[in-house]
Amino acid sequence: MFARSLLPSRITGIIVAMPKPYDPYAYVIRVDAHIVGIEPAVVRTLELPRDINFAQLHEVLQAAFGWTDSHLHQFHVGGLTIGAPEAIEDEVYGPRVFEATEVRLKDLTFPYESDPVLTITYQYDFGDNWQHRLVLHRAIIEDGAKYPRCIAGARACPPEDVGGYGGYGDFLESWLDPEHEDHQDIRRWAGKKFDPERFDIEATNKAIAKAMRLSRGDYRQRQA
């Protein structure tokens, strides 16, 4: 009787929120990406859902950096090559190319560290050889956010077919110097919209959303 008298006769107006069960896989992938060898750096910071496959990752990177998907590409992940086998695999001499639609970001294993990261390479245009270094982190899912998305960036990617790192250096020298003998020709070739310092995050996210919509889980070029 004494123990029962210590209890309130009723409890009203109290709502107890139950904690969400811990889910070790409830995170997105943050990617710090930059084109190797260009200074000042051309960079993008992306946040991606874990279930995105590497064909979709290719489409996101093309849209985020502003490339036109006019050349071949491949990913190098821990010594393995991922991409479109029908385009780049040499069946006789190898190495094997893993089908990009069959490998997802969630298939990657982060090291057991306090702040684990993974680094992979995205190579675009085997002639100009643009190497993109992608550093992957785990990040908290933000309520209401739509993924994939770009959250930061700086500067525009080089024009297509500019000739790689060396060619882009020569291009910028001519583009920036009104007194250079090739200045007007270079400006005409690059087009009026080109600006090496330009980055528009709103336009970038619109391009990413469009690329994801049109790719339908695969390469857009396979949709034709």
C-alpha atoms as a PDB file:
ATOM      1  CA  MET A   1       0.000   0.000   0.000  1.00  0.00           C
ATOM      2  CA  PHE A   2       2.769   2.441   0.891  1.00  0.00           C
ATOM      3  CA  ALA A   3       4.589   1.834  -2.384  1.00  0.00           C
ATOM      4  CA  ARG A   4       1.437   2.375  -4.419  1.00  0.00           C
ATOM      5  CA  SER A   5       0.700   5.687  -2.672  1.00  0.00           C
ATOM      6  CA  LEU A   6       3.931   7.168  -4.001  1.00  0.00           C
ATOM      7  CA  LEU A   7       2.726   6.789  -7.600  1.00  0.00           C
ATOM      8  CA  PRO A   8       0.682   9.580  -9.197  1.00  0.00           C
ATOM      9  CA  SER A   9      -2.910   8.691  -9.859  1.00  0.00           C
ATOM     10  CA  ARG A  10      -2.511   9.669 -13.512  1.00  0.00           C
ATOM     11  CA  ILE A  11       0.033  11.113 -15.919  1.00  0.00           C
ATOM     12  CA  THR A  12      -1.145  13.594 -18.510  1.00  0.00           C
ATOM     13  CA  GLY A  13       0.500  15.801 -21.147  1.00  0.00           C
ATOM     14  CA  ILE A  14       3.751  13.834 -21.302  1.00  0.00           C
ATOM     15  CA  ILE A  15       4.989  12.438 -24.601  1.00  0.00           C
ATOM     16  CA  VAL A  16       8.049  10.263 -24.444  1.00  0.00           C
ATOM     17  CA  ALA A  17       9.965  10.091 -27.738  1.00  0.00           C
ATOM     18  CA  MET A  18      11.481   6.706 -28.276  1.00  0.00           C
ATOM     19  CA  PRO A  19      15.056   6.908 -29.570  1.00  0.00           C
ATOM     20  CA  LYS A  20      15.606   5.698 -33.116  1.00  0.00           C
ATOM     21  CA  PRO A  21      17.321   2.349 -33.295  1.00  0.00           C
ATOM     22  CA  TYR A  22      20.991   2.627 -34.221  1.00  0.00           C
ATOM     23  CA  ASP A  23      21.618   1.899 -37.883  1.00  0.00           C
ATOM     24  CA  PRO A  24      25.323   1.627 -38.788  1.00  0.00           C
ATOM     25  CA  TYR A  25      24.442   2.066 -42.470  1.00  0.00           C
ATOM     26  CA  ALA A  26      22.366   5.231 -42.109  1.00  0.00           C
ATOM     27  CA  TYR A  27      24.734   7.662 -43.765  1.00  0.00           C
ATOM     28  CA  VAL A  28      25.510   9.280 -47.108  1.00  0.00           C
ATOM     29  CA  ILE A  29      28.858   9.434 -48.876  1.00  0.00           C
ATOM     30  CA  ARG A  30      30.581  12.807 -49.005  1.00  0.00           C
ATOM     31  CA  VAL A  31      33.041  13.066 -51.880  1.00  0.00           C
ATOM     32  CA  ASP A  32      35.791  15.683 -52.018  1.00  0.00           C
ATOM     33  CA  ALA A  33      36.744  15.653 -55.695  1.00  0.00           C
ATOM     34  CA  HIS A  34      39.351  17.587 -57.627  1.00  0.00           C
ATOM     35  CA  ILE A  35      41.095  17.368 -60.981  1.00  0.00           C
ATOM     36  CA  VAL A  36      44.688  16.366 -60.366  1.00  0.00           C
ATOM     37  CA  GLY A  37      47.419  18.672 -61.655  1.00  0.00           C
ATOM     38  CA  ILE A  38      45.477  21.938 -62.017  1.00  0.00           C
ATOM     39  CA  GLU A  39      46.234  24.939 -59.819  1.00  0.00           C
ATOM     40  CA  PRO A  40      44.229  26.763 -58.588  1.00  0.00           C
ATOM     41  CA  ALA A  41      42.287  23.559 -58.035  1.00  0.00           C
ATOM     42  CA  VAL A  42      39.040  22.664 -59.778  1.00  0.00           C
ATOM     43  CA  VAL A  43      37.038  21.115 -56.938  1.00  0.00           C
ATOM     44  CA  ARG A  44      33.583  19.800 -56.115  1.00  0.00           C
ATOM     45  CA  THR A  45      32.152  18.512 -52.837  1.00  0.00           C
ATOM     46  CA  LEU A  46      29.314  16.069 -53.392  1.00  0.00           C
ATOM     47  CA  GLU A  47      26.965  14.112 -51.162  1.00  0.00           C
ATOM     48  CA  LEU A  48      25.673  10.852 -52.586  1.00  0.00           C
ATOM     49  CA  PRO A  49      23.283   8.101 -51.493  1.00  0.00           C
ATOM     50  CA  ARG A  50      24.988   4.818 -50.658  1.00  0.00           C
ATOM     51  CA  ASP A  51      22.994   2.850 -53.228  1.00  0.00           C
ATOM     52  CA  ILE A  52      24.223   4.860 -56.209  1.00  0.00           C
ATOM     53  CA  ASN A  53      26.104   2.693 -58.721  1.00  0.00           C
ATOM     54  CA  PHE A  54      29.285   3.628 -60.557  1.00  0.00           C
ATOM     55  CA  ALA A  55      27.505   4.360 -63.846  1.00  0.00           C
ATOM     56  CA  GLN A  56      25.391   6.906 -61.960  1.00  0.00           C
ATOM     57  CA  LEU A  57      28.522   8.203 -60.205  1.00  0.00           C
ATOM     58  CA  HIS A  58      30.035   8.820 -63.637  1.00  0.00           C
ATOM     59  CA  GLU A  59      26.946  10.783 -64.666  1.00  0.00           C
ATOM     60  CA  VAL A  60      27.053  12.840 -61.453  1.00  0.00           C
ATOM     61  CA  LEU A  61      30.744  13.669 -61.914  1.00  0.00           C
ATOM     62  CA  GLN A  62      30.227  14.692 -65.540  1.00  0.00           C
ATOM     63  CA  ALA A  63      27.382  17.014 -64.533  1.00  0.00           C
ATOM     64  CA  ALA A  64      29.139  18.376 -61.451  1.00  0.00           C
ATOM     65  CA  PHE A  65      32.358  19.294 -63.237  1.00  0.00           C
ATOM     66  CA  GLY A  66      30.724  20.371 -66.485  1.00  0.00           C
ATOM     67  CA  TRP A  67      32.200  17.780 -68.834  1.00  0.00           C
ATOM     68  CA  THR A  68      30.254  16.729 -71.923  1.00  0.00           C
ATOM     69  CA  ASP A  69      30.730  12.923 -71.725  1.00  0.00           C
ATOM     70  CA  SER A  70      32.469  12.956 -75.109  1.00  0.00           C
ATOM     71  CA  HIS A  71      35.236  10.489 -74.212  1.00  0.00           C
ATOM     72  CA  LEU A  72      35.913   7.194 -72.481  1.00  0.00           C
ATOM     73  CA  HIS A  73      36.322   6.898 -68.736  1.00  0.00           C
ATOM     74  CA  GLN A  74      37.133   4.426 -65.982  1.00  0.00           C
ATOM     75  CA  PHE A  75      37.336   4.207 -62.201  1.00  0.00           C
ATOM     76  CA  HIS A  76      40.309   2.738 -60.352  1.00  0.00           C
ATOM     77  CA  VAL A  77      39.254   1.312 -56.993  1.00  0.00           C
ATOM     78  CA  GLY A  78      41.784  -0.586 -54.920  1.00  0.00           C
ATOM     79  CA  GLY A  79      43.556  -2.008 -57.964  1.00  0.00           C
ATOM     80  CA  LEU A  80      40.325  -2.867 -59.790  1.00  0.00           C
ATOM     81  CA  THR A  81      38.913  -1.128 -62.854  1.00  0.00           C
ATOM     82  CA  ILE A  82      35.219  -0.245 -63.022  1.00  0.00           C
ATOM     83  CA  GLY A  83      33.465   1.145 -66.092  1.00  0.00           C
ATOM     84  CA  ALA A  84      31.725   0.092 -69.303  1.00  0.00           C
ATOM     85  CA  PRO A  85      33.361  -3.215 -70.355  1.00  0.00           C
ATOM     86  CA  GLU A  86      32.057  -3.043 -73.925  1.00  0.00           C
ATOM     87  CA  ALA A  87      33.917   0.235 -74.433  1.00  0.00           C
ATOM     88  CA  ILE A  88      37.249  -0.232 -72.685  1.00  0.00           C
ATOM     89  CA  GLU A  89      37.900  -3.890 -71.810  1.00  0.00           C
ATOM     90  CA  ASP A  90      40.590  -5.790 -73.706  1.00  0.00           C
ATOM     91  CA  GLU A  91      39.449  -9.416 -73.488  1.00  0.00           C
ATOM     92  CA  VAL A  92      42.856 -10.742 -74.551  1.00  0.00           C
ATOM     93  CA  TYR A  93      45.283  -8.710 -72.477  1.00  0.00           C
ATOM     94  CA  GLY A  94      43.001  -7.447 -69.706  1.00  0.00           C
ATOM     95  CA  PRO A  95      42.623  -6.274 -67.060  1.00  0.00           C
ATOM     96  CA  ARG A  96      39.017  -7.164 -66.423  1.00  0.00           C
ATOM     97  CA  VAL A  97      36.636  -4.215 -66.287  1.00  0.00           C
ATOM     98  CA  PHE A  98      33.864  -4.596 -63.724  1.00  0.00           C
ATOM     99  CA  GLU A  99      30.435  -3.507 -64.964  1.00  0.00           C
ATOM    100  CA  ALA A 100      29.679  -0.109 -63.437  1.00  0.00           C
ATOM    101  CA  THR A 101      25.969  -0.756 -62.921  1.00  0.00           C
ATOM    102  CA  GLU A 102      26.768  -3.792 -60.765  1.00  0.00           C
ATOM    103  CA  VAL A 103      28.999  -1.999 -58.248  1.00  0.00           C
ATOM    104  CA  ARG A 104      27.545   0.489 -55.766  1.00  0.00           C
ATOM    105  CA  LEU A 105      29.086   2.819 -53.243  1.00  0.00           C
ATOM    106  CA  LYS A 106      27.649   0.676 -50.461  1.00  0.00           C
ATOM    107  CA  ASP A 107      29.834  -2.191 -51.717  1.00  0.00           C
ATOM    108  CA  LEU A 108      32.939  -0.291 -50.620  1.00  0.00           C
ATOM    109  CA  THR A 109      34.310  -1.016 -47.154  1.00  0.00           C
ATOM    110  CA  PHE A 110      35.629   1.855 -45.071  1.00  0.00           C
ATOM    111  CA  PRO A 111      38.615   1.130 -42.818  1.00  0.00           C
ATOM    112  CA  TYR A 112      37.985   0.745 -39.092  1.00  0.00           C
ATOM    113  CA  GLU A 113      39.236   4.146 -37.975  1.00  0.00           C
ATOM    114  CA  SER A 114      37.810   7.112 -36.078  1.00  0.00           C
ATOM    115  CA  ASP A 115      37.468   9.171 -39.273  1.00  0.00           C
ATOM    116  CA  PRO A 116      37.721   6.651 -42.108  1.00  0.00           C
ATOM    117  CA  VAL A 117      38.241   7.702 -45.719  1.00  0.00           C
ATOM    118  CA  LEU A 118      38.555   5.923 -49.045  1.00  0.00           C
ATOM    119  CA  THR A 119      40.359   7.301 -52.084  1.00  0.00           C
ATOM    120  CA  ILE A 120      39.526   6.302 -55.645  1.00  0.00           C
ATOM    121  CA  THR A 121      40.465   7.684 -59.050  1.00  0.00           C
ATOM    122  CA  TYR A 122      38.138   8.671 -61.883  1.00  0.00           C
ATOM    123  CA  GLN A 123      39.878   8.968 -65.252  1.00  0.00           C
ATOM    124  CA  TYR A 124      38.124  10.817 -68.051  1.00  0.00           C
ATOM    125  CA  ASP A 125      39.352  11.171 -71.657  1.00  0.00           C
ATOM    126  CA  PHE A 126      42.264   8.783 -72.098  1.00  0.00           C
ATOM    127  CA  GLY A 127      43.892  11.223 -74.535  1.00  0.00           C
ATOM    128  CA  ASP A 128      43.846  14.356 -72.365  1.00  0.00           C
ATOM    129  CA  ASN A 129      44.006  12.029 -69.344  1.00  0.00           C
ATOM    130  CA  TRP A 130      42.050  14.006 -66.771  1.00  0.00           C
ATOM    131  CA  GLN A 131      42.566  12.278 -63.431  1.00  0.00           C
ATOM    132  CA  HIS A 132      40.048  13.099 -60.709  1.00  0.00           C
ATOM    133  CA  ARG A 133      40.946  12.247 -57.121  1.00  0.00           C
ATOM    134  CA  LEU A 134      37.868  11.302 -55.101  1.00  0.00           C
ATOM    135  CA  VAL A 135      38.154  11.189 -51.316  1.00  0.00           C
ATOM    136  CA  LEU A 136      35.124   9.502 -49.753  1.00  0.00           C
ATOM    137  CA  HIS A 137      33.875  10.142 -46.214  1.00  0.00           C
ATOM    138  CA  ARG A 138      30.797   9.023 -44.324  1.00  0.00           C
ATOM    139  CA  ALA A 139      28.402  11.885 -43.562  1.00  0.00           C
ATOM    140  CA  ILE A 140      25.201  12.297 -41.579  1.00  0.00           C
ATOM    141  CA  ILE A 141      21.939  12.238 -43.539  1.00  0.00           C
ATOM    142  CA  GLU A 142      20.329  15.670 -43.419  1.00  0.00           C
ATOM    143  CA  ASP A 143      16.560  15.711 -42.917  1.00  0.00           C
ATOM    144  CA  GLY A 144      14.797  17.027 -46.004  1.00  0.00           C
ATOM    145  CA  ALA A 145      17.894  16.965 -48.213  1.00  0.00           C
ATOM    146  CA  LYS A 146      17.718  15.516 -51.710  1.00  0.00           C
ATOM    147  CA  TYR A 147      20.616  13.355 -52.828  1.00  0.00           C
ATOM    148  CA  PRO A 148      22.819  13.352 -54.813  1.00  0.00           C
ATOM    149  CA  ARG A 149      23.775  16.983 -54.461  1.00  0.00           C
ATOM    150  CA  CYS A 150      26.732  19.340 -54.723  1.00  0.00           C
ATOM    151  CA  ILE A 151      27.377  21.390 -51.577  1.00  0.00           C
ATOM    152  CA  ALA A 152      30.512  23.300 -52.610  1.00  0.00           C
ATOM    153  CA  GLY A 153      32.859  23.867 -55.504  1.00  0.00           C
ATOM    154  CA  ALA A 154      35.337  26.158 -57.189  1.00  0.00           C
ATOM    155  CA  ARG A 155      36.290  26.928 -60.772  1.00  0.00           C
ATOM    156  CA  ALA A 156      35.291  25.417 -64.103  1.00  0.00           C
ATOM    157  CA  CYS A 157      36.682  22.304 -65.719  1.00  0.00           C
ATOM    158  CA  PRO A 158      38.915  22.796 -68.791  1.00  0.00           C
ATOM    159  CA  PRO A 159      37.358  22.835 -72.267  1.00  0.00           C
ATOM    160  CA  GLU A 160      37.070  19.450 -73.923  1.00  0.00           C
ATOM    161  CA  ASP A 161      40.002  18.440 -76.175  1.00  0.00           C
ATOM    162  CA  VAL A 162      42.240  21.230 -74.898  1.00  0.00           C
ATOM    163  CA  GLY A 163      45.228  18.896 -74.815  1.00  0.00           C
ATOM    164  CA  GLY A 164      45.526  17.747 -71.217  1.00  0.00           C
ATOM    165  CA  TYR A 165      47.421  19.515 -68.468  1.00  0.00           C
ATOM    166  CA  GLY A 166      50.058  21.033 -70.722  1.00  0.00           C
ATOM    167  CA  GLY A 167      47.550  22.113 -73.319  1.00  0.00           C
ATOM    168  CA  TYR A 168      45.353  23.725 -70.688  1.00  0.00           C
ATOM    169  CA  GLY A 169      48.305  25.691 -69.332  1.00  0.00           C
ATOM    170  CA  ASP A 170      49.040  27.053 -72.820  1.00  0.00           C
ATOM    171  CA  PHE A 171      45.334  27.714 -73.331  1.00  0.00           C
ATOM    172  CA  LEU A 172      45.060  29.782 -70.141  1.00  0.00           C
ATOM    173  CA  GLU A 173      48.161  31.765 -71.018  1.00  0.00           C
ATOM    174  CA  SER A 174      46.567  32.782 -74.310  1.00  0.00           C
ATOM    175  CA  TRP A 175      43.045  33.185 -72.902  1.00  0.00           C
ATOM    176  CA  LEU A 176      44.129  35.509 -70.079  1.00  0.00           C
ATOM    177  CA  ASP A 177      46.547  37.717 -72.047  1.00  0.00           C
ATOM    178  CA  PRO A 178      44.856  40.173 -74.447  1.00  0.00           C
ATOM    179  CA  GLU A 179      48.263  40.849 -76.001  1.00  0.00           C
ATOM    180  CA  HIS A 180      48.909  37.200 -76.831  1.00  0.00           C
ATOM    181  CA  GLU A 181      48.928  36.478 -80.561  1.00  0.00           C
ATOM    182  CA  ASP A 182      46.428  33.610 -80.125  1.00  0.00           C
ATOM    183  CA  HIS A 183      44.153  35.407 -77.673  1.00  0.00           C
ATOM    184  CA  GLN A 184      41.252  36.091 -80.035  1.00  0.00           C
ATOM    185  CA  ASP A 185      41.395  32.645 -81.658  1.00  0.00           C
ATOM    186  CA  ILE A 186      41.429  30.937 -78.254  1.00  0.00           C
ATOM    187  CA  ARG A 187      38.512  33.034 -77.030  1.00  0.00           C
ATOM    188  CA  ARG A 188      36.472  32.142 -80.108  1.00  0.00           C
ATOM    189  CA  TRP A 189      37.356  28.451 -79.807  1.00  0.00           C
ATOM    190  CA  ALA A 190      36.400  28.249 -76.120  1.00  0.00           C
ATOM    191  CA  GLY A 191      33.187  30.210 -76.562  1.00  0.00           C
ATOM    192  CA  LYS A 192      31.834  33.268 -74.788  1.00  0.00           C
ATOM    193  CA  LYS A 193      30.457  31.311 -71.834  1.00  0.00           C
ATOM    194  CA  PHE A 194      33.779  29.849 -70.759  1.00  0.00           C
ATOM    195  CA  ASP A 195      35.345  31.356 -67.642  1.00  0.00           C
ATOM    196  CA  PRO A 196      37.985  29.347 -65.716  1.00  0.00           C
ATOM    197  CA  GLU A 197      36.842  30.936 -62.432  1.00  0.00           C
ATOM    198  CA  ARG A 198      33.159  30.251 -62.909  1.00  0.00           C
ATOM    199  CA  PHE A 199      31.186  27.933 -60.638  1.00  0.00           C
ATOM    200  CA  ASP A 200      27.411  28.062 -60.184  1.00  0.00           C
ATOM    201  CA  ILE A 201      26.180  25.676 -57.489  1.00  0.00           C
ATOM    202  CA  GLU A 202      22.507  26.068 -58.405  1.00  0.00           C
ATOM    203  CA  ALA A 203      23.145  25.260 -62.071  1.00  0.00           C
ATOM    204  CA  THR A 204      25.375  22.377 -61.013  1.00  0.00           C
ATOM    205  CA  ASN A 205      22.655  20.800 -58.888  1.00  0.00           C
ATOM    206  CA  LYS A 206      20.137  21.184 -61.680  1.00  0.00           C
ATOM    207  CA  ALA A 207      22.550  19.415 -64.036  1.00  0.00           C
ATOM    208  CA  ILE A 208      23.072  16.603 -61.517  1.00  0.00           C
ATOM    209  CA  ALA A 209      19.326  16.107 -61.055  1.00  0.00           C
ATOM    210  CA  LYS A 210      18.813  15.998 -64.825  1.00  0.00           C
ATOM    211  CA  ALA A 211      21.654  13.521 -65.306  1.00  0.00           C
ATOM    212  CA  MET A 212      20.240  11.189 -62.657  1.00  0.00           C
ATOM    213  CA  ARG A 213      16.770  11.397 -64.142  1.00  0.00           C
ATOM    214  CA  LEU A 214      17.918  10.630 -67.674  1.00  0.00           C
ATOM    215  CA  SER A 215      20.396   7.896 -66.774  1.00  0.00           C
ATOM    216  CA  ARG A 216      17.719   5.695 -65.159  1.00  0.00           C
ATOM    217  CA  GLY A 217      20.330   3.731 -63.231  1.00  0.00           C
ATOM    218  CA  ASP A 218      22.650   3.222 -66.191  1.00  0.00           C
ATOM    219  CA  TYR A 219      24.817   5.215 -68.567  1.00  0.00           C
ATOM    220  CA  ARG A 220      22.834   7.783 -70.511  1.00  0.00           C
ATOM    221  CA  GLN A 221      24.656   6.775 -73.693  1.00  0.00           C
ATOM    222  CA  ARG A 222      23.187   3.296 -73.347  1.00  0.00           C
ATOM    223  CA  GLN A 223      19.684   4.806 -73.316  1.00  0.00           C
ATOM    224  CA  ALA A 224      19.946   5.915 -76.949  1.00  0.00           C
END
